[in-house]
C-alpha atoms as a PDB file:
ATOM      1  CA  MET A   1     -17.070   9.774   3.197  1.00  0.00           C
ATOM      2  CA  THR A   2     -13.562  11.238   2.811  1.00  0.00           C
ATOM      3  CA  LEU A   3     -11.135  10.099   0.114  1.00  0.00           C
ATOM      4  CA  TYR A   4      -8.954   8.191   2.583  1.00  0.00           C
ATOM      5  CA  GLN A   5     -12.043   6.462   4.033  1.00  0.00           C
ATOM      6  CA  GLU A   6     -13.170   5.388   0.560  1.00  0.00           C
ATOM      7  CA  ARG A   7      -9.650   4.186  -0.222  1.00  0.00           C
ATOM      8  CA  ASN A   8      -9.403   2.204   3.023  1.00  0.00           C
ATOM      9  CA  LYS A   9     -12.851   0.686   2.465  1.00  0.00           C
ATOM     10  CA  ALA A  10     -11.819  -0.451  -1.028  1.00  0.00           C
ATOM     11  CA  ILE A  11      -8.644  -2.028   0.385  1.00  0.00           C
ATOM     12  CA  LEU A  12     -10.618  -3.809   3.120  1.00  0.00           C
ATOM     13  CA  GLU A  13     -13.049  -5.231   0.543  1.00  0.00           C
ATOM     14  CA  ILE A  14     -10.200  -6.655  -1.553  1.00  0.00           C
ATOM     15  CA  LEU A  15      -8.536  -8.217   1.480  1.00  0.00           C
ATOM     16  CA  LEU A  16     -11.800  -9.779   2.663  1.00  0.00           C
ATOM     17  CA  SER A  17     -12.728 -11.110  -0.769  1.00  0.00           C
ATOM     18  CA  ASN A  18      -9.345 -12.846  -1.029  1.00  0.00           C
ATOM     19  CA  ASN A  19      -9.471 -14.621   2.353  1.00  0.00           C
ATOM     20  CA  VAL A  20      -6.363 -12.906   3.670  1.00  0.00           C
ATOM     21  CA  ASP A  21      -5.349 -13.679   7.265  1.00  0.00           C
ATOM     22  CA  THR A  22      -2.182 -11.604   7.694  1.00  0.00           C
ATOM     23  CA  VAL A  23      -1.514  -8.064   6.449  1.00  0.00           C
ATOM     24  CA  LEU A  24       1.537  -5.799   6.417  1.00  0.00           C
ATOM     25  CA  ASP A  25       0.735  -2.114   5.823  1.00  0.00           C
ATOM     26  CA  CYS A  26       3.871  -0.451   4.423  1.00  0.00           C
ATOM     27  CA  GLY A  27       3.915   3.254   5.141  1.00  0.00           C
ATOM     28  CA  CYS A  28       1.109   2.824   7.670  1.00  0.00           C
ATOM     29  CA  GLY A  29       1.289   6.439   8.862  1.00  0.00           C
ATOM     30  CA  ASN A  30      -0.999   6.990  11.832  1.00  0.00           C
ATOM     31  CA  GLY A  31      -2.566   3.535  11.510  1.00  0.00           C
ATOM     32  CA  ARG A  32      -6.015   4.434  10.156  1.00  0.00           C
ATOM     33  CA  LEU A  33      -6.171   1.541   7.705  1.00  0.00           C
ATOM     34  CA  LEU A  34      -4.945  -0.956  10.299  1.00  0.00           C
ATOM     35  CA  ASN A  35      -7.530   0.344  12.768  1.00  0.00           C
ATOM     36  CA  LEU A  36     -10.276  -0.357  10.220  1.00  0.00           C
ATOM     37  CA  LEU A  37      -8.874  -3.825   9.530  1.00  0.00           C
ATOM     38  CA  PHE A  38      -8.637  -4.604  13.256  1.00  0.00           C
ATOM     39  CA  LYS A  39     -12.247  -3.535  13.848  1.00  0.00           C
ATOM     40  CA  SER A  40     -13.419  -5.921  11.132  1.00  0.00           C
ATOM     41  CA  TYR A  41     -12.278  -8.877  13.322  1.00  0.00           C
ATOM     42  CA  LYS A  42     -11.341 -10.823  10.194  1.00  0.00           C
ATOM     43  CA  PHE A  43      -7.540 -10.902  10.393  1.00  0.00           C
ATOM     44  CA  LYS A  44      -5.216 -13.065  12.482  1.00  0.00           C
ATOM     45  CA  LYS A  45      -2.168 -10.809  12.241  1.00  0.00           C
ATOM     46  CA  LEU A  46      -1.861  -7.114  11.391  1.00  0.00           C
ATOM     47  CA  SER A  47       1.404  -5.184  11.211  1.00  0.00           C
ATOM     48  CA  GLY A  48       2.273  -1.626  10.316  1.00  0.00           C
ATOM     49  CA  LEU A  49       5.576  -0.353   9.030  1.00  0.00           C
ATOM     50  CA  ASP A  50       6.644   3.283   8.806  1.00  0.00           C
ATOM     51  CA  ASN A  51      10.020   4.986   9.026  1.00  0.00           C
ATOM     52  CA  SER A  52       8.590   7.993  10.898  1.00  0.00           C
ATOM     53  CA  LYS A  53       8.834   7.741  14.694  1.00  0.00           C
ATOM     54  CA  LYS A  54       6.106  10.370  15.011  1.00  0.00           C
ATOM     55  CA  GLN A  55       3.690   8.409  12.793  1.00  0.00           C
ATOM     56  CA  ILE A  56       4.399   5.142  14.627  1.00  0.00           C
ATOM     57  CA  ARG A  57       3.772   6.853  17.999  1.00  0.00           C
ATOM     58  CA  MET A  58       0.442   8.158  16.687  1.00  0.00           C
ATOM     59  CA  ALA A  59      -0.454   4.731  15.259  1.00  0.00           C
ATOM     60  CA  ARG A  60       0.309   2.980  18.543  1.00  0.00           C
ATOM     61  CA  LYS A  61      -1.749   5.546  20.456  1.00  0.00           C
ATOM     62  CA  LYS A  62      -4.694   5.221  18.051  1.00  0.00           C
ATOM     63  CA  ASN A  63      -4.539   1.422  18.252  1.00  0.00           C
ATOM     64  CA  MET A  64      -3.725   0.945  21.950  1.00  0.00           C
ATOM     65  CA  ASP A  65      -6.465  -1.633  22.462  1.00  0.00           C
ATOM     66  CA  SER A  66      -5.408  -3.763  19.513  1.00  0.00           C
ATOM     67  CA  ASN A  67      -2.856  -6.485  18.936  1.00  0.00           C
ATOM     68  CA  ILE A  68      -1.390  -4.716  15.904  1.00  0.00           C
ATOM     69  CA  ASN A  69       2.406  -4.833  15.654  1.00  0.00           C
ATOM     70  CA  PHE A  70       4.093  -1.590  14.629  1.00  0.00           C
ATOM     71  CA  PHE A  71       7.651  -1.339  13.340  1.00  0.00           C
ATOM     72  CA  CYS A  72       9.547   1.921  12.958  1.00  0.00           C
ATOM     73  CA  GLN A  73      11.870   1.064  10.107  1.00  0.00           C
ATOM     74  CA  SER A  74      12.040   1.088   6.343  1.00  0.00           C
ATOM     75  CA  ILE A  75      10.847  -1.795   4.206  1.00  0.00           C
ATOM     76  CA  PHE A  76      14.473  -2.252   3.222  1.00  0.00           C
ATOM     77  CA  ASP A  77      15.543  -2.917   6.826  1.00  0.00           C
ATOM     78  CA  PHE A  78      12.365  -4.844   7.650  1.00  0.00           C
ATOM     79  CA  ALA A  79      12.785  -7.317   4.791  1.00  0.00           C
ATOM     80  CA  PHE A  80      16.121  -8.463   6.178  1.00  0.00           C
ATOM     81  CA  SER A  81      15.286  -8.396   9.892  1.00  0.00           C
ATOM     82  CA  SER A  82      15.169 -11.510  12.013  1.00  0.00           C
ATOM     83  CA  ASP A  83      11.586 -10.651  13.045  1.00  0.00           C
ATOM     84  CA  LEU A  84      10.330 -11.152   9.517  1.00  0.00           C
ATOM     85  CA  SER A  85       7.441 -13.507   9.085  1.00  0.00           C
ATOM     86  CA  TYR A  86       5.222 -14.269   6.123  1.00  0.00           C
ATOM     87  CA  TYR A  87       2.280 -12.006   5.249  1.00  0.00           C
ATOM     88  CA  ASP A  88      -0.609 -12.998   2.975  1.00  0.00           C
ATOM     89  CA  ALA A  89      -0.984  -9.402   1.823  1.00  0.00           C
ATOM     90  CA  ILE A  90       1.129  -6.281   1.623  1.00  0.00           C
ATOM     91  CA  VAL A  91      -0.555  -2.902   1.287  1.00  0.00           C
ATOM     92  CA  ALA A  92       1.284   0.175   0.024  1.00  0.00           C
ATOM     93  CA  SER A  93      -1.342   2.888   0.148  1.00  0.00           C
ATOM     94  CA  GLU A  94      -0.286   6.293  -1.147  1.00  0.00           C
ATOM     95  CA  ILE A  95       3.451   5.727  -0.601  1.00  0.00           C
ATOM     96  CA  ILE A  96       5.109   4.814  -3.903  1.00  0.00           C
ATOM     97  CA  GLU A  97       4.890   8.409  -5.143  1.00  0.00           C
ATOM     98  CA  HIS A  98       7.220   9.372  -2.268  1.00  0.00           C
ATOM     99  CA  PHE A  99      10.023   7.167  -3.659  1.00  0.00           C
ATOM    100  CA  THR A 100      12.731   8.110  -6.111  1.00  0.00           C
ATOM    101  CA  LYS A 101      12.945   5.834  -9.147  1.00  0.00           C
ATOM    102  CA  ASP A 102      15.751   3.789  -7.542  1.00  0.00           C
ATOM    103  CA  GLU A 103      13.908   3.538  -4.216  1.00  0.00           C
ATOM    104  CA  LEU A 104      10.742   2.423  -6.019  1.00  0.00           C
ATOM    105  CA  ASN A 105      12.615  -0.289  -7.910  1.00  0.00           C
ATOM    106  CA  ASP A 106      14.192  -1.514  -4.648  1.00  0.00           C
ATOM    107  CA  PHE A 107      10.797  -1.454  -2.921  1.00  0.00           C
ATOM    108  CA  LEU A 108       9.155  -3.476  -5.698  1.00  0.00           C
ATOM    109  CA  ARG A 109      12.005  -6.011  -5.718  1.00  0.00           C
ATOM    110  CA  ILE A 110      11.714  -6.509  -1.955  1.00  0.00           C
ATOM    111  CA  VAL A 111       7.925  -6.816  -2.020  1.00  0.00           C
ATOM    112  CA  PHE A 112       7.589  -9.083  -5.055  1.00  0.00           C
ATOM    113  CA  SER A 113      10.817 -11.130  -4.882  1.00  0.00           C
ATOM    114  CA  ILE A 114      11.727 -11.346  -1.205  1.00  0.00           C
ATOM    115  CA  LEU A 115       8.464 -10.975   0.738  1.00  0.00           C
ATOM    116  CA  SER A 116       6.369 -12.493  -2.080  1.00  0.00           C
ATOM    117  CA  PRO A 117       2.864 -12.303  -0.543  1.00  0.00           C
ATOM    118  CA  LYS A 118      -0.291 -13.740  -2.132  1.00  0.00           C
ATOM    119  CA  ILE A 119      -1.628 -10.231  -2.723  1.00  0.00           C
ATOM    120  CA  VAL A 120      -0.078  -6.783  -3.088  1.00  0.00           C
ATOM    121  CA  ILE A 121      -2.335  -3.725  -3.070  1.00  0.00           C
ATOM    122  CA  ILE A 122      -0.877  -0.426  -4.248  1.00  0.00           C
ATOM    123  CA  THR A 123      -2.797   2.827  -4.265  1.00  0.00           C
ATOM    124  CA  THR A 124      -1.337   6.001  -5.687  1.00  0.00           C
ATOM    125  CA  PRO A 125      -2.783   9.392  -6.694  1.00  0.00           C
ATOM    126  CA  ASN A 126      -4.419   9.689 -10.099  1.00  0.00           C
ATOM    127  CA  LYS A 127      -2.735  12.665 -11.763  1.00  0.00           C
ATOM    128  CA  ASP A 128      -5.879  13.233 -13.860  1.00  0.00           C
ATOM    129  CA  TYR A 129      -7.781  14.099 -10.652  1.00  0.00           C
ATOM    130  CA  ASN A 130      -5.446  16.972  -9.742  1.00  0.00           C
ATOM    131  CA  TYR A 131      -7.641  19.586 -11.406  1.00  0.00           C
ATOM    132  CA  ASN A 132      -9.719  19.390  -8.198  1.00  0.00           C
ATOM    133  CA  TYR A 133      -6.865  20.859  -6.156  1.00  0.00           C
ATOM    134  CA  GLU A 134      -6.283  24.587  -5.938  1.00  0.00           C
ATOM    135  CA  LYS A 135      -2.697  24.246  -4.774  1.00  0.00           C
ATOM    136  CA  LEU A 136      -0.302  21.909  -6.539  1.00  0.00           C
ATOM    137  CA  TYR A 137       3.452  21.527  -6.261  1.00  0.00           C
ATOM    138  CA  ASN A 138       4.909  21.433  -9.775  1.00  0.00           C
ATOM    139  CA  GLY A 139       1.668  19.769 -10.873  1.00  0.00           C
ATOM    140  CA  LEU A 140       1.697  17.217  -8.023  1.00  0.00           C
ATOM    141  CA  ARG A 141      -0.520  16.976  -4.929  1.00  0.00           C
ATOM    142  CA  HIS A 142       2.277  17.151  -2.365  1.00  0.00           C
ATOM    143  CA  SER A 143       5.740  18.645  -2.287  1.00  0.00           C
ATOM    144  CA  THR A 144       7.131  15.249  -1.228  1.00  0.00           C
ATOM    145  CA  HIS A 145       5.852  13.437  -4.339  1.00  0.00           C
ATOM    146  CA  TYR A 146       8.411  12.518  -6.981  1.00  0.00           C
ATOM    147  CA  PHE A 147       5.750  11.488  -9.506  1.00  0.00           C
ATOM    148  CA  GLU A 148       2.039  10.823  -9.975  1.00  0.00           C
ATOM    149  CA  LEU A 149       0.429   8.607 -12.603  1.00  0.00           C
ATOM    150  CA  ASN A 150      -2.445   9.180 -14.987  1.00  0.00           C
ATOM    151  CA  GLU A 151      -4.598   6.199 -15.966  1.00  0.00           C
ATOM    152  CA  SER A 152      -2.481   4.963 -18.874  1.00  0.00           C
ATOM    153  CA  GLU A 153       0.719   5.367 -16.828  1.00  0.00           C
ATOM    154  CA  ALA A 154      -0.807   3.343 -13.975  1.00  0.00           C
ATOM    155  CA  ILE A 155      -1.734   0.554 -16.384  1.00  0.00           C
ATOM    156  CA  ASN A 156       1.789   0.645 -17.849  1.00  0.00           C
ATOM    157  CA  PHE A 157       3.267   0.550 -14.318  1.00  0.00           C
ATOM    158  CA  ALA A 158       1.206  -2.557 -13.504  1.00  0.00           C
ATOM    159  CA  GLU A 159       2.070  -4.257 -16.805  1.00  0.00           C
ATOM    160  CA  ASN A 160       5.785  -3.641 -16.243  1.00  0.00           C
ATOM    161  CA  ILE A 161       5.556  -5.303 -12.834  1.00  0.00           C
ATOM    162  CA  GLU A 162       3.751  -8.274 -14.405  1.00  0.00           C
ATOM    163  CA  LYS A 163       6.554  -8.590 -16.984  1.00  0.00           C
ATOM    164  CA  LYS A 164       9.286  -8.442 -14.350  1.00  0.00           C
ATOM    165  CA  TYR A 165       7.603 -10.609 -11.708  1.00  0.00           C
ATOM    166  CA  LEU A 166       5.973 -13.286 -13.853  1.00  0.00           C
ATOM    167  CA  ASN A 167       4.117 -15.011 -11.025  1.00  0.00           C
ATOM    168  CA  TYR A 168       1.921 -11.927 -10.417  1.00  0.00           C
ATOM    169  CA  THR A 169      -1.068 -10.658 -12.386  1.00  0.00           C
ATOM    170  CA  ALA A 170      -2.464  -7.170 -11.971  1.00  0.00           C
ATOM    171  CA  THR A 171      -5.897  -5.589 -11.900  1.00  0.00           C
ATOM    172  CA  CYS A 172      -6.154  -1.821 -12.256  1.00  0.00           C
ATOM    173  CA  ASP A 173      -9.098   0.103 -10.849  1.00  0.00           C
ATOM    174  CA  PHE A 174      -9.851   3.225  -8.844  1.00  0.00           C
ATOM    175  CA  CYS A 175     -10.446   3.604  -5.102  1.00  0.00           C
ATOM    176  CA  ASP A 176     -13.577   5.713  -5.451  1.00  0.00           C
ATOM    177  CA  ILE A 177     -16.215   6.902  -7.898  1.00  0.00           C
ATOM    178  CA  ASN A 178     -14.304  10.152  -8.507  1.00  0.00           C
ATOM    179  CA  HIS A 179     -11.143   8.274  -9.563  1.00  0.00           C
ATOM    180  CA  SER A 180      -8.923  10.220  -7.139  1.00  0.00           C
ATOM    181  CA  SER A 181      -6.480   7.331  -6.650  1.00  0.00           C
ATOM    182  CA  HIS A 182      -5.447   4.266  -8.586  1.00  0.00           C
ATOM    183  CA  LEU A 183      -6.087   0.898  -6.960  1.00  0.00           C
ATOM    184  CA  ILE A 184      -3.718  -1.715  -8.358  1.00  0.00           C
ATOM    185  CA  THR A 185      -4.036  -5.266  -7.053  1.00  0.00           C
ATOM    186  CA  PHE A 186      -1.446  -7.930  -7.784  1.00  0.00           C
ATOM    187  CA  LYS A 187      -2.224 -11.594  -7.164  1.00  0.00           C
ATOM    188  CA  ARG A 188       0.446 -14.259  -7.032  1.00  0.00           C
ATOM    189  CA  SER A 189      -0.167 -17.333  -9.162  1.00  0.00           C
ATOM    190  CA  VAL A 190      -0.537 -20.613  -7.362  1.00  0.00           C
ATOM    191  CA  ILE A 191       2.444 -22.796  -8.132  1.00  0.00           C
ATOM    192  CA  LEU A 192       1.532 -26.486  -8.305  1.00  0.00           C
END
C-alpha cells in the first residue's frame, strides 16, 4: 500500500468512526480521497475544494460517476461564498505545509471559527521521516513546502490550536506504521 493510500485509509476510518455525513476536502487535488469516500457509500454529501483548475479537471474526470461537488477556488473565497453549506468534517490532507505563516493562520481561522465543523482532520509530513528521501529541498520533501513538522512540533501545533479555539480538542497520531505523516484530529465540543 502506498503512503497516500495508507493516509487516505486512516482518514476514512476516522470519518466513519465519528458518524460523519458530510465532508469537505480542502486541497482535494485529483480527488483520490473523495473517490475512496464515495466508494464507501457512507456519506450523504462530499465536496472537494482546490485552487488548481488542472487538479479540479482531473478530479472531476476521475469521479465522473459520482455526485461529488468540486469547487475551483481557495478556502478563503469558499468560506464567504453564497454556496456555502455546513460540513460535519473538513479534511486538509498534506496542504498546510504549502501555506505561508499568514496564510496558515487565515486558513485555521476560517476552518475553526467560520466553518466550525464537528471534526477537522489535518495531515502533514513528518519531518523526522525525511531521511528516507534521497532528494530534499532545503531539508523539505517538496520545493513548494514552507515548513514541515517533527513530532514535538506537530504536538505543539495542535496544542496551540486548542488554546486558540477552545471548543476543539486534538488527538495527534501518525497516518501509517512508518510515521511518514502526522494525523491530527480535532473534535468540536458539544455545546449544551
